[in-house]
Amino acid sequence: MNSKSAIGRFFSFIGDVRSEMDRVTWPSRGEVVVTTIVVFLIALIASLFFALVDTAWYRIIHAIIGG
């Protein structure tokens, strides 16, 4: 059994977290903006692609079953 109290372990954990956060390399504002724009563009392209595929399948199925 660990001899530290729960409160002591908690504060030790918080100290470890702060130490690790100091080592993190954060992206610049510009990198975040560019990455966000890329994500939105890919989402837009994917949504347009799936909308076109869905429309094509809808028309094909309705042409086959005569709906």
N, C-alpha and C. Protein backbone atom coordinates (compact mmCIF):
# COMPACT_ATOMS: atom_id res chain seq x y z
N MET A 1 0.84 -1.19 0.00
CA MET A 1 0.00 0.00 0.00
C MET A 1 0.87 1.24 0.00
N ASN A 2 0.48 2.21 -0.76
CA ASN A 2 1.22 3.45 -0.86
C ASN A 2 1.04 4.25 0.43
N SER A 3 2.16 4.81 0.92
CA SER A 3 2.09 5.53 2.19
C SER A 3 1.56 6.96 2.02
N LYS A 4 1.48 7.47 0.77
CA LYS A 4 0.96 8.81 0.55
C LYS A 4 -0.56 8.82 0.74
N SER A 5 -1.05 9.93 1.23
CA SER A 5 -2.49 10.07 1.35
C SER A 5 -3.10 10.37 -0.01
N ALA A 6 -4.40 10.25 -0.10
CA ALA A 6 -5.10 10.53 -1.35
C ALA A 6 -4.87 11.98 -1.78
N ILE A 7 -4.86 12.88 -0.84
CA ILE A 7 -4.63 14.30 -1.17
C ILE A 7 -3.21 14.50 -1.68
N GLY A 8 -2.25 13.83 -1.06
CA GLY A 8 -0.87 13.93 -1.50
C GLY A 8 -0.69 13.39 -2.91
N ARG A 9 -1.36 12.27 -3.22
CA ARG A 9 -1.29 11.69 -4.56
C ARG A 9 -1.95 12.62 -5.58
N PHE A 10 -3.05 13.26 -5.17
CA PHE A 10 -3.74 14.19 -6.06
C PHE A 10 -2.83 15.36 -6.44
N PHE A 11 -2.19 15.97 -5.45
CA PHE A 11 -1.31 17.10 -5.73
C PHE A 11 -0.07 16.67 -6.51
N SER A 12 0.40 15.47 -6.27
CA SER A 12 1.51 14.93 -7.05
C SER A 12 1.09 14.77 -8.51
N PHE A 13 -0.13 14.28 -8.73
CA PHE A 13 -0.66 14.12 -10.08
C PHE A 13 -0.77 15.48 -10.77
N ILE A 14 -1.28 16.48 -10.07
CA ILE A 14 -1.41 17.82 -10.63
C ILE A 14 -0.04 18.37 -11.01
N GLY A 15 0.95 18.14 -10.18
CA GLY A 15 2.31 18.59 -10.49
C GLY A 15 2.85 17.90 -11.73
N ASP A 16 2.57 16.60 -11.87
CA ASP A 16 3.00 15.85 -13.05
C ASP A 16 2.31 16.38 -14.31
N VAL A 17 1.04 16.70 -14.20
CA VAL A 17 0.30 17.23 -15.34
C VAL A 17 0.89 18.57 -15.76
N ARG A 18 1.17 19.45 -14.81
CA ARG A 18 1.75 20.75 -15.14
C ARG A 18 3.12 20.58 -15.80
N SER A 19 3.89 19.63 -15.32
CA SER A 19 5.21 19.38 -15.90
C SER A 19 5.07 18.92 -17.35
N GLU A 20 4.12 18.03 -17.62
CA GLU A 20 3.91 17.54 -18.98
C GLU A 20 3.37 18.65 -19.89
N MET A 21 2.51 19.50 -19.37
CA MET A 21 1.94 20.59 -20.17
C MET A 21 3.03 21.59 -20.58
N ASP A 22 4.07 21.74 -19.77
CA ASP A 22 5.17 22.62 -20.14
C ASP A 22 5.95 22.08 -21.33
N ARG A 23 5.90 20.78 -21.56
CA ARG A 23 6.63 20.15 -22.66
C ARG A 23 5.84 20.12 -23.98
N VAL A 24 4.57 20.45 -23.91
CA VAL A 24 3.72 20.40 -25.10
C VAL A 24 4.12 21.49 -26.08
N THR A 25 4.19 21.14 -27.36
CA THR A 25 4.43 22.12 -28.41
C THR A 25 3.09 22.49 -29.02
N TRP A 26 2.63 23.69 -28.74
CA TRP A 26 1.33 24.13 -29.20
C TRP A 26 1.44 24.71 -30.61
N PRO A 27 0.42 24.48 -31.46
CA PRO A 27 0.46 25.06 -32.81
C PRO A 27 0.25 26.57 -32.75
N SER A 28 0.78 27.23 -33.77
CA SER A 28 0.57 28.68 -33.84
C SER A 28 -0.86 28.96 -34.30
N ARG A 29 -1.27 30.20 -34.16
CA ARG A 29 -2.62 30.60 -34.60
C ARG A 29 -2.78 30.35 -36.10
N GLY A 30 -1.75 30.67 -36.87
CA GLY A 30 -1.80 30.46 -38.31
C GLY A 30 -1.99 28.99 -38.67
N GLU A 31 -1.28 28.10 -37.97
CA GLU A 31 -1.42 26.67 -38.23
C GLU A 31 -2.84 26.19 -37.92
N VAL A 32 -3.40 26.70 -36.84
CA VAL A 32 -4.77 26.32 -36.48
C VAL A 32 -5.76 26.80 -37.53
N VAL A 33 -5.59 28.02 -38.01
CA VAL A 33 -6.49 28.58 -39.02
C VAL A 33 -6.41 27.76 -40.31
N VAL A 34 -5.19 27.49 -40.78
CA VAL A 34 -5.02 26.73 -42.02
C VAL A 34 -5.60 25.32 -41.88
N THR A 35 -5.33 24.67 -40.77
CA THR A 35 -5.84 23.32 -40.55
C THR A 35 -7.37 23.32 -40.51
N THR A 36 -7.96 24.31 -39.87
CA THR A 36 -9.42 24.41 -39.79
C THR A 36 -10.02 24.59 -41.18
N ILE A 37 -9.40 25.45 -42.00
CA ILE A 37 -9.90 25.67 -43.37
C ILE A 37 -9.82 24.38 -44.17
N VAL A 38 -8.72 23.65 -44.04
CA VAL A 38 -8.56 22.38 -44.76
C VAL A 38 -9.64 21.39 -44.34
N VAL A 39 -9.91 21.30 -43.06
CA VAL A 39 -10.95 20.38 -42.57
C VAL A 39 -12.31 20.75 -43.15
N PHE A 40 -12.65 22.04 -43.15
CA PHE A 40 -13.93 22.46 -43.72
C PHE A 40 -14.02 22.18 -45.22
N LEU A 41 -12.94 22.41 -45.94
CA LEU A 41 -12.94 22.13 -47.38
C LEU A 41 -13.11 20.63 -47.66
N ILE A 42 -12.41 19.80 -46.92
CA ILE A 42 -12.55 18.35 -47.12
C ILE A 42 -13.96 17.90 -46.78
N ALA A 43 -14.54 18.45 -45.71
CA ALA A 43 -15.92 18.10 -45.35
C ALA A 43 -16.88 18.54 -46.44
N LEU A 44 -16.67 19.71 -47.02
CA LEU A 44 -17.53 20.21 -48.09
C LEU A 44 -17.41 19.32 -49.33
N ILE A 45 -16.19 18.98 -49.71
CA ILE A 45 -15.98 18.12 -50.88
C ILE A 45 -16.60 16.75 -50.66
N ALA A 46 -16.42 16.19 -49.47
CA ALA A 46 -16.99 14.88 -49.18
C ALA A 46 -18.52 14.92 -49.21
N SER A 47 -19.11 15.98 -48.66
CA SER A 47 -20.57 16.07 -48.65
C SER A 47 -21.12 16.22 -50.07
N LEU A 48 -20.44 16.98 -50.91
CA LEU A 48 -20.87 17.11 -52.31
C LEU A 48 -20.74 15.78 -53.04
N PHE A 49 -19.65 15.08 -52.82
CA PHE A 49 -19.45 13.78 -53.45
C PHE A 49 -20.57 12.81 -53.06
N PHE A 50 -20.85 12.71 -51.75
CA PHE A 50 -21.87 11.77 -51.31
C PHE A 50 -23.27 12.19 -51.76
N ALA A 51 -23.51 13.48 -51.87
CA ALA A 51 -24.80 13.94 -52.39
C ALA A 51 -24.96 13.53 -53.84
N LEU A 52 -23.90 13.66 -54.63
CA LEU A 52 -23.96 13.25 -56.04
C LEU A 52 -24.14 11.74 -56.17
N VAL A 53 -23.41 10.97 -55.38
CA VAL A 53 -23.54 9.51 -55.43
C VAL A 53 -24.94 9.09 -55.00
N ASP A 54 -25.47 9.72 -53.97
CA ASP A 54 -26.81 9.40 -53.50
C ASP A 54 -27.85 9.72 -54.57
N THR A 55 -27.72 10.86 -55.22
CA THR A 55 -28.65 11.24 -56.29
C THR A 55 -28.57 10.27 -57.45
N ALA A 56 -27.34 9.88 -57.82
CA ALA A 56 -27.17 8.93 -58.92
C ALA A 56 -27.83 7.60 -58.60
N TRP A 57 -27.57 7.07 -57.39
CA TRP A 57 -28.19 5.79 -57.01
C TRP A 57 -29.71 5.90 -56.96
N TYR A 58 -30.22 7.01 -56.48
CA TYR A 58 -31.66 7.22 -56.42
C TYR A 58 -32.26 7.14 -57.83
N ARG A 59 -31.63 7.82 -58.78
CA ARG A 59 -32.14 7.81 -60.15
C ARG A 59 -32.01 6.43 -60.80
N ILE A 60 -30.91 5.75 -60.54
CA ILE A 60 -30.71 4.40 -61.10
C ILE A 60 -31.76 3.44 -60.55
N ILE A 61 -31.96 3.46 -59.27
CA ILE A 61 -32.94 2.54 -58.64
C ILE A 61 -34.35 2.85 -59.16
N HIS A 62 -34.70 4.10 -59.23
CA HIS A 62 -36.03 4.46 -59.73
C HIS A 62 -36.21 4.14 -61.21
N ALA A 63 -35.13 4.20 -61.97
CA ALA A 63 -35.22 3.81 -63.39
C ALA A 63 -35.42 2.30 -63.50
N ILE A 64 -34.82 1.54 -62.61
CA ILE A 64 -34.94 0.07 -62.65
C ILE A 64 -36.33 -0.37 -62.22
N ILE A 65 -36.82 0.17 -61.10
CA ILE A 65 -38.12 -0.27 -60.58
C ILE A 65 -39.29 0.53 -61.15
N GLY A 66 -39.00 1.52 -61.96
CA GLY A 66 -40.05 2.27 -62.63
C GLY A 66 -40.86 3.15 -61.72
N GLY A 67 -40.23 3.71 -60.70
CA GLY A 67 -40.94 4.54 -59.74
C GLY A 67 -41.13 5.89 -60.25
